[in-house]
């Protein structure tokens, strides 16, 4: 037993020097007065006895596994999960945008009609697109202008420019509370024609926004914190195309009726809806609500947020079972 103990101690000593301290085999041989082939034999023996085990953790395997779990849980056509850049939300968003751009490029064919919502991650997609010509492409704005900052129109126009497509604007404010004014706008021939083209869309590109004081539409001044708090009280958890929905994906019709843009039900009818999402406060609940509402066909998301969506879904399902 004593001899075996000494042998094990020597195996551990050599293994630690080689694998943890990163000594070369020649240096270990000099230090312990062994031959280099002797060091190699000790390391081989340590692996044979299980003292040393080598595990290769491929991050791509983790990403693919998370993507498969989301795809199976919500019946999605495809999920693309990109690594989260810890401590750098902008870099993570840019990576999601890059992956979204490659996905969109693969989907777009000649004579396609692409409906585009607004959002900071959607903007990253526009920036990452490669310049090419898609014959007969129409790129259509899905929601009216969100105030003086013309981020919505800048994004869809940038996509049209990159792909040599026809840019079709929705010439209206995103929100109009006055019912008579809103009806008048929606009855104009120009706006009716834009909505007709939107209903012909073959692909949609959108983000998913949270109902939170840190949401982009609040920070940009498009919606006040008070409105967001009121929406949260009504059960809203997220929005697509500035159309709000609750935890189960059900539309909040009262507030949504004030938004001049494509309705959630019409978005759901588009053959391929690509959602690009990166992490942030309230995003997990927002994405989960959108998935439950079946508004998304292809999801491009970062790994940390994807894992939170899965965890939140399990927690909520467990709570329902427990309550029952």
Protein backbone atom coordinates (compact mmCIF):
# COMPACT_ATOMS: atom_id res chain seq x y z
CA UNK A 1 0.00 0.00 0.00
CA UNK A 2 2.87 2.32 0.88
CA UNK A 3 4.51 1.73 -2.50
CA UNK A 4 1.22 2.26 -4.33
CA UNK A 5 0.70 5.48 -2.40
CA UNK A 6 4.14 6.73 -3.42
CA UNK A 7 3.43 5.84 -7.03
CA UNK A 8 0.10 7.70 -6.97
CA UNK A 9 1.77 10.73 -5.37
CA UNK A 10 4.39 10.77 -8.15
CA UNK A 11 1.67 10.46 -10.83
CA UNK A 12 -0.27 13.39 -9.33
CA UNK A 13 2.90 15.47 -8.94
CA UNK A 14 3.94 15.05 -12.57
CA UNK A 15 0.38 15.60 -13.81
CA UNK A 16 0.01 18.83 -11.84
CA UNK A 17 3.33 20.17 -13.11
CA UNK A 18 2.41 19.38 -16.71
CA UNK A 19 -1.32 20.19 -16.87
CA UNK A 20 -1.73 22.90 -14.21
CA UNK A 21 1.67 24.59 -14.01
CA UNK A 22 2.30 24.08 -17.76
CA UNK A 23 5.88 22.88 -17.29
CA UNK A 24 7.41 21.25 -20.37
CA UNK A 25 8.23 17.55 -20.19
CA UNK A 26 11.93 18.41 -20.43
CA UNK A 27 11.66 20.79 -17.45
CA UNK A 28 9.80 18.17 -15.38
CA UNK A 29 12.47 15.60 -16.25
CA UNK A 30 15.23 17.92 -15.02
CA UNK A 31 13.32 18.90 -11.87
CA UNK A 32 12.45 15.35 -10.81
CA UNK A 33 15.57 13.69 -12.24
CA UNK A 34 13.60 11.58 -14.70
CA UNK A 35 14.18 10.86 -18.35
CA UNK A 36 11.85 12.56 -20.81
CA UNK A 37 10.41 9.15 -21.92
CA UNK A 38 9.91 8.48 -18.20
CA UNK A 39 7.81 11.62 -17.86
CA UNK A 40 5.75 10.58 -20.87
CA UNK A 41 5.13 7.15 -19.30
CA UNK A 42 4.02 8.77 -16.01
CA UNK A 43 1.58 11.07 -17.83
CA UNK A 44 0.19 8.16 -19.86
CA UNK A 45 -0.24 6.11 -16.67
CA UNK A 46 -2.02 9.03 -14.96
CA UNK A 47 -4.53 9.14 -17.82
CA UNK A 48 -5.00 5.36 -17.76
CA UNK A 49 -5.81 5.40 -14.03
CA UNK A 50 -8.24 8.31 -14.36
CA UNK A 51 -6.03 10.67 -12.34
CA UNK A 52 -6.05 12.91 -15.40
CA UNK A 53 -9.19 13.27 -17.48
CA UNK A 54 -9.37 15.51 -20.52
CA UNK A 55 -12.67 17.16 -21.37
CA UNK A 56 -13.16 19.38 -24.40
CA UNK A 57 -15.95 21.87 -23.77
CA UNK A 58 -16.96 23.11 -27.20
CA UNK A 59 -19.01 26.30 -26.72
CA UNK A 60 -20.67 25.65 -30.06
CA UNK A 61 -22.11 22.42 -28.65
CA UNK A 62 -23.67 24.42 -25.82
CA UNK A 63 -25.10 26.97 -28.25
CA UNK A 64 -26.56 24.26 -30.47
CA UNK A 65 -28.07 22.46 -27.47
CA UNK A 66 -29.77 25.64 -26.21
CA UNK A 67 -31.03 26.32 -29.74
CA UNK A 68 -32.46 22.79 -30.04
CA UNK A 69 -34.22 23.15 -26.69
CA UNK A 70 -35.89 26.39 -27.78
CA UNK A 71 -36.79 25.01 -31.19
CA UNK A 72 -38.42 21.91 -29.72
CA UNK A 73 -40.16 23.74 -26.88
CA UNK A 74 -41.86 26.29 -29.14
CA UNK A 75 -42.03 24.61 -32.56
CA UNK A 76 -39.75 27.12 -34.26
CA UNK A 77 -38.41 26.58 -37.77
CA UNK A 78 -34.91 27.52 -36.70
CA UNK A 79 -33.00 29.00 -33.76
CA UNK A 80 -29.59 30.62 -34.12
CA UNK A 81 -27.81 31.15 -30.79
CA UNK A 82 -24.70 33.33 -30.69
CA UNK A 83 -22.22 33.68 -27.81
CA UNK A 84 -22.92 36.38 -25.24
CA UNK A 85 -20.06 38.87 -24.80
CA UNK A 86 -19.95 39.17 -21.02
CA UNK A 87 -20.07 42.77 -19.83
CA UNK A 88 -20.51 44.21 -23.33
CA UNK A 89 -24.15 44.51 -24.38
CA UNK A 90 -23.28 46.45 -27.55
CA UNK A 91 -20.86 43.76 -28.74
CA UNK A 92 -23.47 41.07 -28.03
CA UNK A 93 -26.09 43.02 -29.98
CA UNK A 94 -23.67 43.42 -32.90
CA UNK A 95 -23.05 39.64 -32.95
CA UNK A 96 -26.79 38.95 -33.00
CA UNK A 97 -27.13 41.49 -35.81
CA UNK A 98 -24.35 39.80 -37.78
CA UNK A 99 -26.00 36.38 -37.43
CA UNK A 100 -29.37 37.89 -38.33
CA UNK A 101 -27.91 39.46 -41.46
CA UNK A 102 -26.46 36.16 -42.66
CA UNK A 103 -29.80 34.45 -42.00
CA UNK A 104 -31.75 37.13 -43.86
CA UNK A 105 -29.38 37.01 -46.83
CA UNK A 106 -29.97 33.27 -47.15
CA UNK A 107 -33.76 33.72 -47.07
CA UNK A 108 -34.21 36.62 -49.49
CA UNK A 109 -34.90 35.70 -53.11
CA UNK A 110 -35.79 37.72 -56.19
CA UNK A 111 -39.21 39.42 -56.03
CA UNK A 112 -39.41 39.03 -52.24
CA UNK A 113 -41.31 41.50 -50.08
CA UNK A 114 -39.55 42.19 -46.78
CA UNK A 115 -41.48 43.86 -43.94
CA UNK A 116 -39.17 45.61 -41.47
CA UNK A 117 -39.98 46.69 -37.92
CA UNK A 118 -37.75 49.03 -35.97
CA UNK A 119 -35.36 48.29 -33.12
CA UNK A 120 -31.72 48.62 -32.17
CA UNK A 121 -30.93 44.97 -32.94
CA UNK A 122 -32.74 45.23 -36.29
CA UNK A 123 -30.52 48.24 -36.99
CA UNK A 124 -27.46 46.04 -36.36
CA UNK A 125 -28.78 43.61 -38.98
CA UNK A 126 -28.99 46.47 -41.48
CA UNK A 127 -25.40 47.46 -40.72
CA UNK A 128 -24.11 43.89 -41.13
CA UNK A 129 -25.78 43.14 -44.48
CA UNK A 130 -23.50 42.62 -47.47
CA UNK A 131 -24.24 44.81 -50.47
CA UNK A 132 -25.91 42.85 -53.25
CA UNK A 133 -28.73 43.21 -55.74
CA UNK A 134 -31.98 41.31 -55.22
CA UNK A 135 -34.15 41.81 -58.27
CA UNK A 136 -37.68 42.99 -57.56
CA UNK A 137 -37.15 43.28 -53.80
CA UNK A 138 -39.60 45.48 -51.88
CA UNK A 139 -38.62 46.61 -48.37
CA UNK A 140 -41.63 47.93 -46.45
CA UNK A 141 -41.82 49.88 -43.20
CA UNK A 142 -44.08 47.98 -40.76
CA UNK A 143 -44.90 50.79 -38.32
CA UNK A 144 -45.23 54.57 -38.55
CA UNK A 145 -42.64 57.08 -37.42
CA UNK A 146 -41.74 57.17 -33.74
CA UNK A 147 -41.42 60.93 -33.33
CA UNK A 148 -38.59 63.15 -34.50
CA UNK A 149 -35.93 60.42 -34.35
CA UNK A 150 -36.51 58.64 -37.65
CA UNK A 151 -34.84 55.39 -36.57
CA UNK A 152 -37.64 53.28 -38.04
CA UNK A 153 -37.36 54.79 -41.52
CA UNK A 154 -33.55 54.91 -41.42
CA UNK A 155 -33.36 51.18 -40.74
CA UNK A 156 -35.67 49.94 -43.48
CA UNK A 157 -34.17 52.38 -45.98
CA UNK A 158 -30.66 51.20 -45.09
CA UNK A 159 -31.71 47.60 -45.80
CA UNK A 160 -33.27 48.61 -49.11
CA UNK A 161 -30.08 50.47 -50.09
CA UNK A 162 -27.82 47.53 -49.23
CA UNK A 163 -29.93 45.12 -51.27
CA UNK A 164 -30.86 47.46 -54.13
CA UNK A 165 -34.52 47.13 -53.25
CA UNK A 166 -37.50 49.47 -53.44
CA UNK A 167 -38.06 51.25 -50.10
CA UNK A 168 -41.75 51.71 -49.27
CA UNK A 169 -42.47 53.98 -46.30
CA UNK A 170 -45.53 54.03 -44.04
CA UNK A 171 -46.18 57.79 -43.95
CA UNK A 172 -47.89 58.14 -40.58
CA UNK A 173 -47.01 58.56 -36.91
CA UNK A 174 -46.59 55.31 -35.01
CA UNK A 175 -49.15 56.34 -32.40
CA UNK A 176 -52.30 58.38 -32.80
CA UNK A 177 -54.67 58.50 -29.81
CA UNK A 178 -57.38 60.53 -31.52
CA UNK A 179 -59.77 57.99 -33.03
CA UNK A 180 -61.11 60.29 -35.74
CA UNK A 181 -57.63 61.32 -36.88
CA UNK A 182 -56.46 57.71 -36.85
CA UNK A 183 -59.43 56.58 -38.95
CA UNK A 184 -58.80 59.39 -41.42
CA UNK A 185 -55.15 58.36 -41.81
CA UNK A 186 -55.99 54.68 -42.27
CA UNK A 187 -58.54 55.56 -44.97
CA UNK A 188 -56.03 57.46 -47.11
CA UNK A 189 -55.27 55.72 -50.42
CA UNK A 190 -51.50 55.84 -49.85
CA UNK A 191 -51.57 54.20 -46.41
CA UNK A 192 -54.12 51.60 -47.55
CA UNK A 193 -51.75 50.69 -50.39
CA UNK A 194 -48.80 50.27 -47.97
CA UNK A 195 -50.86 47.95 -45.78
CA UNK A 196 -51.89 45.98 -48.87
CA UNK A 197 -48.22 45.47 -49.75
CA UNK A 198 -47.43 44.54 -46.14
CA UNK A 199 -50.03 41.78 -46.34
CA UNK A 200 -48.08 40.40 -49.33
CA UNK A 201 -44.86 40.20 -47.32
CA UNK A 202 -42.94 36.94 -47.67
CA UNK A 203 -40.47 37.69 -44.85
CA UNK A 204 -40.54 39.96 -41.81
CA UNK A 205 -37.61 41.23 -39.76
CA UNK A 206 -38.36 42.40 -36.23
CA UNK A 207 -36.99 42.79 -32.75
CA UNK A 208 -38.79 42.00 -29.50
CA UNK A 209 -39.04 44.79 -26.95
CA UNK A 210 -39.69 44.48 -23.22
CA UNK A 211 -42.21 46.34 -21.10
CA UNK A 212 -39.68 48.03 -18.83
CA UNK A 213 -38.51 51.52 -17.94
CA UNK A 214 -35.16 50.66 -19.60
CA UNK A 215 -36.80 49.70 -22.91
CA UNK A 216 -35.50 51.45 -26.01
CA UNK A 217 -38.88 53.04 -26.80
CA UNK A 218 -38.82 54.64 -23.32
CA UNK A 219 -35.19 55.76 -23.54
CA UNK A 220 -35.87 57.28 -26.96
CA UNK A 221 -38.83 59.18 -25.52
CA UNK A 222 -41.45 57.46 -27.70
CA UNK A 223 -43.34 56.05 -24.71
CA UNK A 224 -43.29 57.52 -21.20
CA UNK A 225 -42.35 55.49 -18.12
CA UNK A 226 -45.89 56.09 -16.84
CA UNK A 227 -47.39 54.48 -19.95
CA UNK A 228 -45.04 51.50 -19.53
CA UNK A 229 -46.06 51.07 -15.89
CA UNK A 230 -49.73 51.19 -16.90
CA UNK A 231 -49.12 48.59 -19.63
CA UNK A 232 -47.39 46.34 -17.12
CA UNK A 233 -50.43 46.61 -14.83
CA UNK A 234 -52.58 45.52 -17.77
CA UNK A 235 -50.42 42.41 -18.13
CA UNK A 236 -48.17 43.47 -21.01
CA UNK A 237 -44.71 41.86 -21.09
CA UNK A 238 -43.42 42.77 -24.54
CA UNK A 239 -43.96 44.21 -27.97
CA UNK A 240 -43.28 43.41 -31.60
CA UNK A 241 -43.60 46.29 -34.07
CA UNK A 242 -44.81 48.43 -31.11
CA UNK A 243 -47.80 46.10 -30.76
CA UNK A 244 -48.03 44.85 -27.18
CA UNK A 245 -48.85 41.37 -25.87
CA UNK A 246 -49.18 39.62 -22.53
CA UNK A 247 -47.35 36.64 -21.00
CA UNK A 248 -49.28 34.19 -23.16
CA UNK A 249 -48.77 36.23 -26.32
CA UNK A 250 -52.29 37.65 -26.39
CA UNK A 251 -52.51 41.16 -27.94
CA UNK A 252 -53.46 44.15 -25.79
CA UNK A 253 -56.05 45.47 -28.19
CA UNK A 254 -56.81 48.83 -26.55
CA UNK A 255 -53.26 50.19 -26.76
CA UNK A 256 -52.50 48.38 -30.01
CA UNK A 257 -55.46 50.07 -31.72
CA UNK A 258 -53.65 53.39 -31.24
CA UNK A 259 -50.55 52.16 -33.10
CA UNK A 260 -50.46 52.67 -36.86
CA UNK A 261 -48.63 49.59 -37.96
CA UNK A 262 -49.01 45.96 -38.92
CA UNK A 263 -51.08 44.03 -36.36
CA UNK A 264 -49.75 40.97 -34.57
CA UNK A 265 -52.33 38.74 -36.23
CA UNK A 266 -51.17 39.90 -39.68
CA UNK A 267 -47.51 39.49 -38.73
CA UNK A 268 -48.26 35.90 -37.72
CA UNK A 269 -49.54 35.22 -41.27
CA UNK A 270 -46.22 36.19 -42.90
CA UNK A 271 -44.51 32.94 -44.06
CA UNK A 272 -41.17 33.68 -42.36
CA UNK A 273 -40.85 36.02 -39.38
CA UNK A 274 -37.25 36.50 -38.28
CA UNK A 275 -36.79 37.96 -34.79
CA UNK A 276 -33.39 39.24 -33.66
CA UNK A 277 -33.02 39.70 -29.91
CA UNK A 278 -30.19 40.39 -27.49
CA UNK A 279 -30.29 40.52 -23.70
CA UNK A 280 -31.62 43.29 -21.50
CA UNK A 281 -34.00 43.94 -18.59
CA UNK A 282 -37.34 42.22 -19.08
CA UNK A 283 -36.28 40.61 -22.36
CA UNK A 284 -36.76 36.99 -21.23
CA UNK A 285 -40.47 37.51 -20.46
CA UNK A 286 -40.92 39.49 -23.69
CA UNK A 287 -39.36 36.78 -25.86
CA UNK A 288 -41.29 34.09 -24.01
CA UNK A 289 -44.59 35.89 -24.63
CA UNK A 290 -43.73 36.30 -28.33
CA UNK A 291 -42.89 32.60 -28.62
CA UNK A 292 -46.10 31.56 -26.90
CA UNK A 293 -48.03 33.84 -29.24
CA UNK A 294 -46.45 32.05 -32.23
CA UNK A 295 -45.30 35.32 -33.78
CA UNK A 296 -41.79 34.06 -34.61
CA UNK A 297 -40.56 31.42 -37.08
CA UNK A 298 -36.80 32.00 -36.88
CA UNK A 299 -35.18 33.30 -33.70
CA UNK A 300 -31.68 34.81 -33.56
CA UNK A 301 -30.68 35.30 -29.93
CA UNK A 302 -27.66 35.43 -27.62
CA UNK A 303 -26.89 32.46 -25.38
CA UNK A 304 -27.44 34.12 -21.99
CA UNK A 305 -30.88 35.42 -22.99
CA UNK A 306 -31.81 32.10 -24.62
CA UNK A 307 -30.96 30.28 -21.39
CA UNK A 308 -33.04 32.77 -19.36
CA UNK A 309 -36.02 32.24 -21.68
CA UNK A 310 -35.83 28.48 -21.18
CA UNK A 311 -35.42 28.84 -17.41
CA UNK A 312 -38.31 31.31 -17.14
CA UNK A 313 -40.54 29.00 -19.15
CA UNK A 314 -39.75 26.06 -16.85
CA UNK A 315 -40.31 28.18 -13.72
CA UNK A 316 -43.70 29.39 -14.95
CA UNK A 317 -44.80 25.92 -15.99
CA UNK A 318 -43.74 24.55 -12.60
CA UNK A 319 -45.69 27.33 -10.86
CA UNK A 320 -48.82 26.46 -12.85
CA UNK A 321 -48.46 22.77 -11.94
CA UNK A 322 -47.88 23.68 -8.29
CA UNK A 323 -50.93 25.92 -8.21
CA UNK A 324 -53.02 23.15 -9.69
